[in-house]
């Protein structure tokens, strides 16, 4: 499973691969989420969440997953959205920080705290 931090416009976004254990934990956290009526709001610039590439449909999950603003949107021909009740977005922000993107993560967390 590949994670993409969707944050840049006009240049490549940061990406990293999950270890087998990280992928397993993430798949488990993406199970049994409550549905929501609408997908996460789309931002034109700046932080737009995370994109997960799951081409093998591991864990029975969709091949394309977006996580942003507390919403998990799974796309497999059609979109289904769920509430991120297991804190997947927060976990991925911590991973991004560990992969050298602490400055980006800090600004995202600052924006989130200002909007609350």
PDB file of N, CA and C in Angstrom:
ATOM      1  N   UNK A   1       0.855  -1.171   0.000  1.00  0.00           N
ATOM      2  CA  UNK A   1       0.000   0.000   0.000  1.00  0.00           C
ATOM      3  C   UNK A   1       0.903   1.237   0.000  1.00  0.00           C
ATOM      4  N   UNK A   2       0.577   2.187  -0.868  1.00  0.00           N
ATOM      5  CA  UNK A   2       1.328   3.431  -0.992  1.00  0.00           C
ATOM      6  C   UNK A   2       0.492   4.579  -0.434  1.00  0.00           C
ATOM      7  N   UNK A   3       1.134   5.461   0.335  1.00  0.00           N
ATOM      8  CA  UNK A   3       0.493   6.636   0.909  1.00  0.00           C
ATOM      9  C   UNK A   3       1.028   7.870   0.186  1.00  0.00           C
ATOM     10  N   UNK A   4       0.126   8.761  -0.185  1.00  0.00           N
ATOM     11  CA  UNK A   4       0.501  10.042  -0.784  1.00  0.00           C
ATOM     12  C   UNK A   4      -0.074  11.160   0.060  1.00  0.00           C
ATOM     13  N   UNK A   5       0.785  12.062   0.494  1.00  0.00           N
ATOM     14  CA  UNK A   5       0.361  13.249   1.225  1.00  0.00           C
ATOM     15  C   UNK A   5      -0.014  14.288   0.171  1.00  0.00           C
ATOM     16  N   UNK A   6      -1.308  14.520   0.002  1.00  0.00           N
ATOM     17  CA  UNK A   6      -1.811  15.400  -1.059  1.00  0.00           C
ATOM     18  C   UNK A   6      -1.755  16.845  -0.579  1.00  0.00           C
ATOM     19  N   UNK A   7      -0.650  17.525  -0.925  1.00  0.00           N
ATOM     20  CA  UNK A   7      -0.431  18.856  -0.372  1.00  0.00           C
ATOM     21  C   UNK A   7       0.120  19.854  -1.394  1.00  0.00           C
ATOM     22  N   UNK A   8       0.806  19.403  -2.407  1.00  0.00           N
ATOM     23  CA  UNK A   8       1.445  20.312  -3.349  1.00  0.00           C
ATOM     24  C   UNK A   8       0.635  20.474  -4.614  1.00  0.00           C
ATOM     25  N   UNK A   9       0.789  21.640  -5.223  1.00  0.00           N
ATOM     26  CA  UNK A   9       0.221  21.893  -6.544  1.00  0.00           C
ATOM     27  C   UNK A   9       1.398  22.243  -7.451  1.00  0.00           C
ATOM     28  N   UNK A  10       1.511  21.561  -8.557  1.00  0.00           N
ATOM     29  CA  UNK A  10       2.575  21.860  -9.501  1.00  0.00           C
ATOM     30  C   UNK A  10       3.879  21.134  -9.265  1.00  0.00           C
ATOM     31  N   UNK A  11       3.952  20.325  -8.226  1.00  0.00           N
ATOM     32  CA  UNK A  11       5.133  19.481  -8.006  1.00  0.00           C
ATOM     33  C   UNK A  11       4.679  18.185  -7.339  1.00  0.00           C
ATOM     34  N   UNK A  12       5.503  17.165  -7.420  1.00  0.00           N
ATOM     35  CA  UNK A  12       5.074  15.858  -6.884  1.00  0.00           C
ATOM     36  C   UNK A  12       4.802  15.901  -5.378  1.00  0.00           C
ATOM     37  N   UNK A  13       3.751  15.208  -4.984  1.00  0.00           N
ATOM     38  CA  UNK A  13       3.426  15.056  -3.563  1.00  0.00           C
ATOM     39  C   UNK A  13       4.357  14.030  -2.931  1.00  0.00           C
ATOM     40  N   UNK A  14       4.631  14.168  -1.617  1.00  0.00           N
ATOM     41  CA  UNK A  14       5.405  13.148  -0.913  1.00  0.00           C
ATOM     42  C   UNK A  14       4.651  11.812  -0.882  1.00  0.00           C
ATOM     43  N   UNK A  15       5.371  10.725  -1.068  1.00  0.00           N
ATOM     44  CA  UNK A  15       4.790   9.379  -1.000  1.00  0.00           C
ATOM     45  C   UNK A  15       5.711   8.469  -0.202  1.00  0.00           C
ATOM     46  N   UNK A  16       5.132   7.409   0.348  1.00  0.00           N
ATOM     47  CA  UNK A  16       5.914   6.374   0.999  1.00  0.00           C
ATOM     48  C   UNK A  16       5.119   5.085   0.998  1.00  0.00           C
ATOM     49  N   UNK A  17       5.845   4.000   1.144  1.00  0.00           N
ATOM     50  CA  UNK A  17       5.231   2.670   1.212  1.00  0.00           C
ATOM     51  C   UNK A  17       5.050   2.287   2.669  1.00  0.00           C
ATOM     52  N   UNK A  18       3.979   1.572   2.935  1.00  0.00           N
ATOM     53  CA  UNK A  18       3.743   1.067   4.280  1.00  0.00           C
ATOM     54  C   UNK A  18       4.402  -0.287   4.449  1.00  0.00           C
ATOM     55  N   UNK A  19       4.912  -0.528   5.639  1.00  0.00           N
ATOM     56  CA  UNK A  19       5.410  -1.864   5.958  1.00  0.00           C
ATOM     57  C   UNK A  19       4.215  -2.807   6.027  1.00  0.00           C
ATOM     58  N   UNK A  20       4.468  -4.089   6.037  1.00  0.00           N
ATOM     59  CA  UNK A  20       3.385  -5.071   6.126  1.00  0.00           C
ATOM     60  C   UNK A  20       2.559  -4.838   7.397  1.00  0.00           C
ATOM     61  N   UNK A  21       3.227  -4.551   8.499  1.00  0.00           N
ATOM     62  CA  UNK A  21       2.526  -4.330   9.772  1.00  0.00           C
ATOM     63  C   UNK A  21       1.711  -3.038   9.729  1.00  0.00           C
ATOM     64  N   UNK A  22       2.284  -1.962   9.176  1.00  0.00           N
ATOM     65  CA  UNK A  22       1.550  -0.705   9.062  1.00  0.00           C
ATOM     66  C   UNK A  22       0.321  -0.864   8.168  1.00  0.00           C
ATOM     67  N   UNK A  23       0.491  -1.578   7.061  1.00  0.00           N
ATOM     68  CA  UNK A  23      -0.639  -1.793   6.138  1.00  0.00           C
ATOM     69  C   UNK A  23      -1.743  -2.591   6.823  1.00  0.00           C
ATOM     70  N   UNK A  24      -1.357  -3.594   7.601  1.00  0.00           N
ATOM     71  CA  UNK A  24      -2.344  -4.415   8.317  1.00  0.00           C
ATOM     72  C   UNK A  24      -3.120  -3.552   9.318  1.00  0.00           C
ATOM     73  N   UNK A  25      -2.399  -2.728  10.089  1.00  0.00           N
ATOM     74  CA  UNK A  25      -3.051  -1.859  11.067  1.00  0.00           C
ATOM     75  C   UNK A  25      -3.992  -0.866  10.386  1.00  0.00           C
ATOM     76  N   UNK A  26      -3.547  -0.330   9.256  1.00  0.00           N
ATOM     77  CA  UNK A  26      -4.373   0.620   8.523  1.00  0.00           C
ATOM     78  C   UNK A  26      -5.623  -0.045   7.962  1.00  0.00           C
ATOM     79  N   UNK A  27      -5.461  -1.227   7.395  1.00  0.00           N
ATOM     80  CA  UNK A  27      -6.631  -1.957   6.872  1.00  0.00           C
ATOM     81  C   UNK A  27      -7.640  -2.223   7.979  1.00  0.00           C
ATOM     82  N   UNK A  28      -7.162  -2.625   9.150  1.00  0.00           N
ATOM     83  CA  UNK A  28      -8.051  -2.886  10.279  1.00  0.00           C
ATOM     84  C   UNK A  28      -8.778  -1.609  10.714  1.00  0.00           C
ATOM     85  N   UNK A  29      -8.062  -0.466  10.710  1.00  0.00           N
ATOM     86  CA  UNK A  29      -8.662   0.802  11.118  1.00  0.00           C
ATOM     87  C   UNK A  29      -9.677   1.311  10.102  1.00  0.00           C
ATOM     88  N   UNK A  30      -9.610   0.815   8.877  1.00  0.00           N
ATOM     89  CA  UNK A  30     -10.538   1.246   7.834  1.00  0.00           C
ATOM     90  C   UNK A  30     -11.756   0.323   7.710  1.00  0.00           C
ATOM     91  N   UNK A  31     -11.881  -0.623   8.601  1.00  0.00           N
ATOM     92  CA  UNK A  31     -13.017  -1.543   8.602  1.00  0.00           C
ATOM     93  C   UNK A  31     -14.125  -0.998   9.506  1.00  0.00           C
ATOM     94  N   UNK A  32     -15.350  -1.343   9.182  1.00  0.00           N
ATOM     95  CA  UNK A  32     -16.508  -1.058  10.028  1.00  0.00           C
ATOM     96  C   UNK A  32     -16.667   0.420  10.388  1.00  0.00           C
ATOM     97  N   UNK A  33     -16.425   1.306   9.424  1.00  0.00           N
ATOM     98  CA  UNK A  33     -16.617   2.734   9.652  1.00  0.00           C
ATOM     99  C   UNK A  33     -18.065   3.108   9.372  1.00  0.00           C
ATOM    100  N   UNK A  34     -18.617   4.047  10.133  1.00  0.00           N
ATOM    101  CA  UNK A  34     -19.994   4.464   9.869  1.00  0.00           C
ATOM    102  C   UNK A  34     -20.067   5.336   8.610  1.00  0.00           C
ATOM    103  N   UNK A  35     -21.067   5.111   7.772  1.00  0.00           N
ATOM    104  CA  UNK A  35     -21.198   5.904   6.547  1.00  0.00           C
ATOM    105  C   UNK A  35     -21.596   7.347   6.847  1.00  0.00           C
ATOM    106  N   UNK A  36     -21.214   8.233   5.937  1.00  0.00           N
ATOM    107  CA  UNK A  36     -21.640   9.630   5.985  1.00  0.00           C
ATOM    108  C   UNK A  36     -22.280   9.970   4.639  1.00  0.00           C
ATOM    109  N   UNK A  37     -23.068  11.032   4.631  1.00  0.00           N
ATOM    110  CA  UNK A  37     -23.822  11.395   3.429  1.00  0.00           C
ATOM    111  C   UNK A  37     -23.003  12.083   2.354  1.00  0.00           C
ATOM    112  N   UNK A  38     -21.880  12.708   2.732  1.00  0.00           N
ATOM    113  CA  UNK A  38     -21.135  13.478   1.740  1.00  0.00           C
ATOM    114  C   UNK A  38     -19.637  13.264   1.895  1.00  0.00           C
ATOM    115  N   UNK A  39     -18.895  13.401   0.800  1.00  0.00           N
ATOM    116  CA  UNK A  39     -17.438  13.274   0.879  1.00  0.00           C
ATOM    117  C   UNK A  39     -16.834  14.486   1.571  1.00  0.00           C
ATOM    118  N   UNK A  40     -15.551  14.385   1.872  1.00  0.00           N
ATOM    119  CA  UNK A  40     -14.835  15.499   2.489  1.00  0.00           C
ATOM    120  C   UNK A  40     -14.833  16.696   1.542  1.00  0.00           C
ATOM    121  N   UNK A  41     -14.829  17.901   2.092  1.00  0.00           N
ATOM    122  CA  UNK A  41     -14.774  19.082   1.226  1.00  0.00           C
ATOM    123  C   UNK A  41     -13.464  19.094   0.444  1.00  0.00           C
ATOM    124  N   UNK A  42     -13.523  19.594  -0.778  1.00  0.00           N
ATOM    125  CA  UNK A  42     -12.333  19.635  -1.608  1.00  0.00           C
ATOM    126  C   UNK A  42     -11.696  21.015  -1.530  1.00  0.00           C
ATOM    127  N   UNK A  43     -10.399  21.030  -1.253  1.00  0.00           N
ATOM    128  CA  UNK A  43      -9.630  22.264  -1.233  1.00  0.00           C
ATOM    129  C   UNK A  43      -8.847  22.348  -2.535  1.00  0.00           C
ATOM    130  N   UNK A  44      -8.782  23.525  -3.104  1.00  0.00           N
ATOM    131  CA  UNK A  44      -8.038  23.695  -4.346  1.00  0.00           C
ATOM    132  C   UNK A  44      -6.532  23.751  -4.089  1.00  0.00           C
ATOM    133  N   UNK A  45      -6.130  24.377  -3.013  1.00  0.00           N
ATOM    134  CA  UNK A  45      -4.717  24.535  -2.703  1.00  0.00           C
ATOM    135  C   UNK A  45      -4.426  24.067  -1.287  1.00  0.00           C
ATOM    136  N   UNK A  46      -3.174  23.704  -1.041  1.00  0.00           N
ATOM    137  CA  UNK A  46      -2.750  23.295   0.287  1.00  0.00           C
ATOM    138  C   UNK A  46      -3.113  21.852   0.602  1.00  0.00           C
ATOM    139  N   UNK A  47      -3.197  21.568   1.867  1.00  0.00           N
ATOM    140  CA  UNK A  47      -3.455  20.207   2.345  1.00  0.00           C
ATOM    141  C   UNK A  47      -4.817  19.704   1.888  1.00  0.00           C
ATOM    142  N   UNK A  48      -4.793  18.549   1.230  1.00  0.00           N
ATOM    143  CA  UNK A  48      -6.023  17.900   0.759  1.00  0.00           C
ATOM    144  C   UNK A  48      -6.125  16.474   1.279  1.00  0.00           C
ATOM    145  N   UNK A  49      -5.402  16.197   2.361  1.00  0.00           N
ATOM    146  CA  UNK A  49      -5.478  14.883   2.981  1.00  0.00           C
ATOM    147  C   UNK A  49      -4.483  13.890   2.417  1.00  0.00           C
ATOM    148  N   UNK A  50      -4.888  12.623   2.479  1.00  0.00           N
ATOM    149  CA  UNK A  50      -4.032  11.527   2.037  1.00  0.00           C
ATOM    150  C   UNK A  50      -4.748  10.693   0.990  1.00  0.00           C
ATOM    151  N   UNK A  51      -3.970  10.187   0.052  1.00  0.00           N
ATOM    152  CA  UNK A  51      -4.469   9.239  -0.935  1.00  0.00           C
ATOM    153  C   UNK A  51      -3.770   7.919  -0.680  1.00  0.00           C
ATOM    154  N   UNK A  52      -4.547   6.857  -0.599  1.00  0.00           N
ATOM    155  CA  UNK A  52      -3.987   5.523  -0.432  1.00  0.00           C
ATOM    156  C   UNK A  52      -4.196   4.746  -1.716  1.00  0.00           C
ATOM    157  N   UNK A  53      -3.137   4.173  -2.207  1.00  0.00           N
ATOM    158  CA  UNK A  53      -3.216   3.326  -3.392  1.00  0.00           C
ATOM    159  C   UNK A  53      -3.196   1.882  -2.913  1.00  0.00           C
ATOM    160  N   UNK A  54      -4.275   1.168  -3.201  1.00  0.00           N
ATOM    161  CA  UNK A  54      -4.450  -0.203  -2.755  1.00  0.00           C
ATOM    162  C   UNK A  54      -4.856  -1.066  -3.965  1.00  0.00           C
ATOM    163  N   UNK A  55      -3.968  -1.161  -4.974  1.00  0.00           N
ATOM    164  CA  UNK A  55      -4.350  -1.822  -6.230  1.00  0.00           C
ATOM    165  C   UNK A  55      -4.755  -3.282  -6.077  1.00  0.00           C
ATOM    166  N   UNK A  56      -4.248  -3.958  -5.053  1.00  0.00           N
ATOM    167  CA  UNK A  56      -4.592  -5.371  -4.836  1.00  0.00           C
ATOM    168  C   UNK A  56      -5.875  -5.540  -4.042  1.00  0.00           C
ATOM    169  N   UNK A  57      -6.486  -4.414  -3.662  1.00  0.00           N
ATOM    170  CA  UNK A  57      -7.724  -4.429  -2.859  1.00  0.00           C
ATOM    171  C   UNK A  57      -7.544  -5.229  -1.558  1.00  0.00           C
ATOM    172  N   UNK A  58      -6.355  -5.062  -0.969  1.00  0.00           N
ATOM    173  CA  UNK A  58      -6.041  -5.759   0.278  1.00  0.00           C
ATOM    174  C   UNK A  58      -7.088  -5.440   1.334  1.00  0.00           C
ATOM    175  N   UNK A  59      -7.456  -6.438   2.102  1.00  0.00           N
ATOM    176  CA  UNK A  59      -8.442  -6.266   3.157  1.00  0.00           C
ATOM    177  C   UNK A  59      -9.852  -6.038   2.647  1.00  0.00           C
ATOM    178  N   UNK A  60     -10.064  -6.270   1.347  1.00  0.00           N
ATOM    179  CA  UNK A  60     -11.381  -6.040   0.765  1.00  0.00           C
ATOM    180  C   UNK A  60     -11.715  -4.570   0.596  1.00  0.00           C
ATOM    181  N   UNK A  61     -10.696  -3.716   0.715  1.00  0.00           N
ATOM    182  CA  UNK A  61     -10.902  -2.273   0.590  1.00  0.00           C
ATOM    183  C   UNK A  61     -10.807  -1.840  -0.867  1.00  0.00           C
ATOM    184  N   UNK A  62     -11.326  -0.670  -1.154  1.00  0.00           N
ATOM    185  CA  UNK A  62     -11.287  -0.101  -2.503  1.00  0.00           C
ATOM    186  C   UNK A  62      -9.844   0.160  -2.924  1.00  0.00           C
ATOM    187  N   UNK A  63      -9.593   0.207  -4.223  1.00  0.00           N
ATOM    188  CA  UNK A  63      -8.234   0.462  -4.703  1.00  0.00           C
ATOM    189  C   UNK A  63      -7.783   1.909  -4.508  1.00  0.00           C
ATOM    190  N   UNK A  64      -8.742   2.847  -4.363  1.00  0.00           N
ATOM    191  CA  UNK A  64      -8.419   4.265  -4.179  1.00  0.00           C
ATOM    192  C   UNK A  64      -9.149   4.772  -2.945  1.00  0.00           C
ATOM    193  N   UNK A  65      -8.374   5.315  -2.007  1.00  0.00           N
ATOM    194  CA  UNK A  65      -8.945   5.785  -0.746  1.00  0.00           C
ATOM    195  C   UNK A  65      -8.392   7.175  -0.458  1.00  0.00           C
ATOM    196  N   UNK A  66      -9.285   8.119  -0.166  1.00  0.00           N
ATOM    197  CA  UNK A  66      -8.876   9.465   0.244  1.00  0.00           C
ATOM    198  C   UNK A  66      -9.317   9.651   1.690  1.00  0.00           C
ATOM    199  N   UNK A  67      -8.421  10.240   2.482  1.00  0.00           N
ATOM    200  CA  UNK A  67      -8.727  10.519   3.883  1.00  0.00           C
ATOM    201  C   UNK A  67      -8.435  11.988   4.124  1.00  0.00           C
ATOM    202  N   UNK A  68      -9.469  12.737   4.472  1.00  0.00           N
ATOM    203  CA  UNK A  68      -9.303  14.174   4.693  1.00  0.00           C
ATOM    204  C   UNK A  68     -10.463  14.691   5.538  1.00  0.00           C
ATOM    205  N   UNK A  69     -10.149  15.597   6.442  1.00  0.00           N
ATOM    206  CA  UNK A  69     -11.162  16.280   7.257  1.00  0.00           C
ATOM    207  C   UNK A  69     -12.076  15.300   7.986  1.00  0.00           C
ATOM    208  N   UNK A  70     -11.499  14.189   8.460  1.00  0.00           N
ATOM    209  CA  UNK A  70     -12.277  13.220   9.222  1.00  0.00           C
ATOM    210  C   UNK A  70     -13.181  12.340   8.391  1.00  0.00           C
ATOM    211  N   UNK A  71     -13.009  12.366   7.066  1.00  0.00           N
ATOM    212  CA  UNK A  71     -13.833  11.565   6.159  1.00  0.00           C
ATOM    213  C   UNK A  71     -12.924  10.633   5.351  1.00  0.00           C
ATOM    214  N   UNK A  72     -13.338   9.388   5.241  1.00  0.00           N
ATOM    215  CA  UNK A  72     -12.656   8.392   4.415  1.00  0.00           C
ATOM    216  C   UNK A  72     -13.544   8.148   3.201  1.00  0.00           C
ATOM    217  N   UNK A  73     -13.015   8.408   2.013  1.00  0.00           N
ATOM    218  CA  UNK A  73     -13.773   8.192   0.789  1.00  0.00           C
ATOM    219  C   UNK A  73     -13.110   7.078  -0.005  1.00  0.00           C
ATOM    220  N   UNK A  74     -13.847   6.004  -0.219  1.00  0.00           N
ATOM    221  CA  UNK A  74     -13.338   4.848  -0.955  1.00  0.00           C
ATOM    222  C   UNK A  74     -13.959   4.849  -2.350  1.00  0.00           C
ATOM    223  N   UNK A  75     -13.095   4.693  -3.363  1.00  0.00           N
ATOM    224  CA  UNK A  75     -13.547   4.733  -4.744  1.00  0.00           C
ATOM    225  C   UNK A  75     -13.191   3.433  -5.452  1.00  0.00           C
ATOM    226  N   UNK A  76     -14.220   2.791  -5.957  1.00  0.00           N
ATOM    227  CA  UNK A  76     -14.073   1.565  -6.738  1.00  0.00           C
ATOM    228  C   UNK A  76     -15.224   1.537  -7.743  1.00  0.00           C
ATOM    229  N   UNK A  77     -15.139   2.441  -8.734  1.00  0.00           N
ATOM    230  CA  UNK A  77     -16.239   2.589  -9.683  1.00  0.00           C
ATOM    231  C   UNK A  77     -17.266   3.595  -9.200  1.00  0.00           C
ATOM    232  N   UNK A  78     -17.467   3.675  -7.909  1.00  0.00           N
ATOM    233  CA  UNK A  78     -18.343   4.668  -7.290  1.00  0.00           C
ATOM    234  C   UNK A  78     -17.728   5.049  -5.950  1.00  0.00           C
ATOM    235  N   UNK A  79     -18.159   6.162  -5.399  1.00  0.00           N
ATOM    236  CA  UNK A  79     -17.608   6.654  -4.137  1.00  0.00           C
ATOM    237  C   UNK A  79     -18.528   6.339  -2.964  1.00  0.00           C
ATOM    238  N   UNK A  80     -17.915   5.874  -1.893  1.00  0.00           N
ATOM    239  CA  UNK A  80     -18.609   5.685  -0.625  1.00  0.00           C
ATOM    240  C   UNK A  80     -17.792   6.410   0.436  1.00  0.00           C
ATOM    241  N   UNK A  81     -18.457   7.180   1.297  1.00  0.00           N
ATOM    242  CA  UNK A  81     -17.754   7.961   2.309  1.00  0.00           C
ATOM    243  C   UNK A  81     -18.132   7.503   3.709  1.00  0.00           C
ATOM    244  N   UNK A  82     -17.137   7.578   4.598  1.00  0.00           N
ATOM    245  CA  UNK A  82     -17.290   7.099   5.965  1.00  0.00           C
ATOM    246  C   UNK A  82     -16.630   8.079   6.929  1.00  0.00           C
ATOM    247  N   UNK A  83     -17.068   8.029   8.175  1.00  0.00           N
ATOM    248  CA  UNK A  83     -16.444   8.847   9.227  1.00  0.00           C
ATOM    249  C   UNK A  83     -15.178   8.146   9.705  1.00  0.00           C
ATOM    250  N   UNK A  84     -14.094   8.895   9.814  1.00  0.00           N
ATOM    251  CA  UNK A  84     -12.800   8.363  10.255  1.00  0.00           C
ATOM    252  C   UNK A  84     -12.786   8.237  11.781  1.00  0.00           C
ATOM    253  N   UNK A  85     -13.561   7.298  12.306  1.00  0.00           N
ATOM    254  CA  UNK A  85     -13.697   7.165  13.755  1.00  0.00           C
ATOM    255  C   UNK A  85     -12.510   6.478  14.429  1.00  0.00           C
ATOM    256  N   UNK A  86     -11.564   5.960  13.638  1.00  0.00           N
ATOM    257  CA  UNK A  86     -10.389   5.295  14.214  1.00  0.00           C
ATOM    258  C   UNK A  86      -9.128   6.145  14.090  1.00  0.00           C
ATOM    259  N   UNK A  87      -9.262   7.407  13.691  1.00  0.00           N
ATOM    260  CA  UNK A  87      -8.121   8.320  13.653  1.00  0.00           C
ATOM    261  C   UNK A  87      -7.068   7.995  12.613  1.00  0.00           C
ATOM    262  N   UNK A  88      -7.485   7.479  11.471  1.00  0.00           N
ATOM    263  CA  UNK A  88      -6.536   7.114  10.416  1.00  0.00           C
ATOM    264  C   UNK A  88      -5.791   8.346   9.913  1.00  0.00           C
ATOM    265  N   UNK A  89      -6.500   9.451   9.729  1.00  0.00           N
ATOM    266  CA  UNK A  89      -5.835  10.669   9.237  1.00  0.00           C
ATOM    267  C   UNK A  89      -4.739  11.101  10.204  1.00  0.00           C
ATOM    268  N   UNK A  90      -5.023  11.063  11.486  1.00  0.00           N
ATOM    269  CA  UNK A  90      -4.016  11.443  12.486  1.00  0.00           C
ATOM    270  C   UNK A  90      -2.812  10.497  12.434  1.00  0.00           C
ATOM    271  N   UNK A  91      -3.051   9.206  12.304  1.00  0.00           N
ATOM    272  CA  UNK A  91      -1.954   8.233  12.190  1.00  0.00           C
ATOM    273  C   UNK A  91      -1.070   8.550  10.992  1.00  0.00           C
ATOM    274  N   UNK A  92      -1.715   8.885   9.867  1.00  0.00           N
ATOM    275  CA  UNK A  92      -0.953   9.187   8.658  1.00  0.00           C
ATOM    276  C   UNK A  92      -0.180  10.495   8.795  1.00  0.00           C
ATOM    277  N   UNK A  93      -0.741  11.463   9.510  1.00  0.00           N
ATOM    278  CA  UNK A  93       0.007  12.692   9.776  1.00  0.00           C
ATOM    279  C   UNK A  93       1.262  12.393  10.597  1.00  0.00           C
ATOM    280  N   UNK A  94       1.145  11.514  11.581  1.00  0.00           N
ATOM    281  CA  UNK A  94       2.321  11.126  12.376  1.00  0.00           C
ATOM    282  C   UNK A  94       3.361  10.424  11.504  1.00  0.00           C
ATOM    283  N   UNK A  95       2.899   9.541  10.615  1.00  0.00           N
ATOM    284  CA  UNK A  95       3.826   8.872   9.700  1.00  0.00           C
ATOM    285  C   UNK A  95       4.521   9.880   8.794  1.00  0.00           C
ATOM    286  N   UNK A  96       3.760  10.846   8.276  1.00  0.00           N
ATOM    287  CA  UNK A  96       4.343  11.866   7.393  1.00  0.00           C
ATOM    288  C   UNK A  96       5.451  12.616   8.126  1.00  0.00           C
ATOM    289  N   UNK A  97       5.215  12.929   9.379  1.00  0.00           N
ATOM    290  CA  UNK A  97       6.223  13.610  10.184  1.00  0.00           C
ATOM    291  C   UNK A  97       7.476  12.745  10.319  1.00  0.00           C
ATOM    292  N   UNK A  98       7.289  11.463  10.550  1.00  0.00           N
ATOM    293  CA  UNK A  98       8.415  10.533  10.680  1.00  0.00           C
ATOM    294  C   UNK A  98       9.174  10.353   9.367  1.00  0.00           C
ATOM    295  N   UNK A  99       8.512  10.617   8.241  1.00  0.00           N
ATOM    296  CA  UNK A  99       9.145  10.482   6.928  1.00  0.00           C
ATOM    297  C   UNK A  99       9.787  11.784   6.464  1.00  0.00           C
ATOM    298  N   UNK A 100       9.897  12.769   7.357  1.00  0.00           N
ATOM    299  CA  UNK A 100      10.613  13.998   7.034  1.00  0.00           C
ATOM    300  C   UNK A 100       9.740  15.166   6.612  1.00  0.00           C
ATOM    301  N   UNK A 101       8.438  15.072   6.819  1.00  0.00           N
ATOM    302  CA  UNK A 101       7.525  16.142   6.405  1.00  0.00           C
ATOM    303  C   UNK A 101       6.917  16.845   7.612  1.00  0.00           C
ATOM    304  N   UNK A 102       7.722  16.979   8.673  1.00  0.00           N
ATOM    305  CA  UNK A 102       7.242  17.573   9.923  1.00  0.00           C
ATOM    306  C   UNK A 102       6.746  19.002   9.724  1.00  0.00           C
ATOM    307  N   UNK A 103       7.423  19.795   8.908  1.00  0.00           N
ATOM    308  CA  UNK A 103       7.000  21.178   8.666  1.00  0.00           C
ATOM    309  C   UNK A 103       5.606  21.237   8.072  1.00  0.00           C
ATOM    310  N   UNK A 104       5.330  20.368   7.118  1.00  0.00           N
ATOM    311  CA  UNK A 104       4.001  20.315   6.498  1.00  0.00           C
ATOM    312  C   UNK A 104       2.966  19.883   7.526  1.00  0.00           C
ATOM    313  N   UNK A 105       3.295  18.841   8.277  1.00  0.00           N
ATOM    314  CA  UNK A 105       2.368  18.321   9.289  1.00  0.00           C
ATOM    315  C   UNK A 105       2.066  19.384  10.342  1.00  0.00           C
ATOM    316  N   UNK A 106       3.101  20.086  10.797  1.00  0.00           N
ATOM    317  CA  UNK A 106       2.881  21.127  11.801  1.00  0.00           C
ATOM    318  C   UNK A 106       1.935  22.207  11.285  1.00  0.00           C
ATOM    319  N   UNK A 107       2.091  22.605  10.009  1.00  0.00           N
ATOM    320  CA  UNK A 107       1.196  23.640   9.477  1.00  0.00           C
ATOM    321  C   UNK A 107      -0.232  23.110   9.331  1.00  0.00           C
ATOM    322  N   UNK A 108      -0.380  21.837   8.965  1.00  0.00           N
ATOM    323  CA  UNK A 108      -1.718  21.233   8.867  1.00  0.00           C
ATOM    324  C   UNK A 108      -2.378  21.205  10.237  1.00  0.00           C
ATOM    325  N   UNK A 109      -1.642  20.772  11.251  1.00  0.00           N
ATOM    326  CA  UNK A 109      -2.203  20.700  12.600  1.00  0.00           C
ATOM    327  C   UNK A 109      -2.536  22.082  13.134  1.00  0.00           C
ATOM    328  N   UNK A 110      -1.722  23.075  12.783  1.00  0.00           N
ATOM    329  CA  UNK A 110      -1.990  24.458  13.201  1.00  0.00           C
ATOM    330  C   UNK A 110      -3.281  24.959  12.566  1.00  0.00           C
ATOM    331  N   UNK A 111      -3.462  24.701  11.263  1.00  0.00           N
ATOM    332  CA  UNK A 111      -4.682  25.109  10.571  1.00  0.00           C
ATOM    333  C   UNK A 111      -5.904  24.436  11.187  1.00  0.00           C
ATOM    334  N   UNK A 112      -5.767  23.133  11.526  1.00  0.00           N
ATOM    335  CA  UNK A 112      -6.888  22.411  12.132  1.00  0.00           C
ATOM    336  C   UNK A 112      -7.266  22.997  13.477  1.00  0.00           C
ATOM    337  N   UNK A 113      -6.267  23.351  14.290  1.00  0.00           N
ATOM    338  CA  UNK A 113      -6.566  23.886  15.614  1.00  0.00           C
ATOM    339  C   UNK A 113      -7.182  25.274  15.504  1.00  0.00           C
ATOM    340  N   UNK A 114      -6.795  26.066  14.500  1.00  0.00           N
ATOM    341  CA  UNK A 114      -7.380  27.394  14.307  1.00  0.00           C
ATOM    342  C   UNK A 114      -8.823  27.317  13.842  1.00  0.00           C
ATOM    343  N   UNK A 115      -9.151  26.249  13.092  1.00  0.00           N
ATOM    344  CA  UNK A 115     -10.526  26.129  12.594  1.00  0.00           C
ATOM    345  C   UNK A 115     -11.488  25.543  13.623  1.00  0.00           C
ATOM    346  N   UNK A 116     -10.964  25.024  14.720  1.00  0.00           N
ATOM    347  CA  UNK A 116     -11.827  24.443  15.773  1.00  0.00           C
ATOM    348  C   UNK A 116     -12.220  25.452  16.779  1.00  0.00           C
TER     349      UNK A 116
END
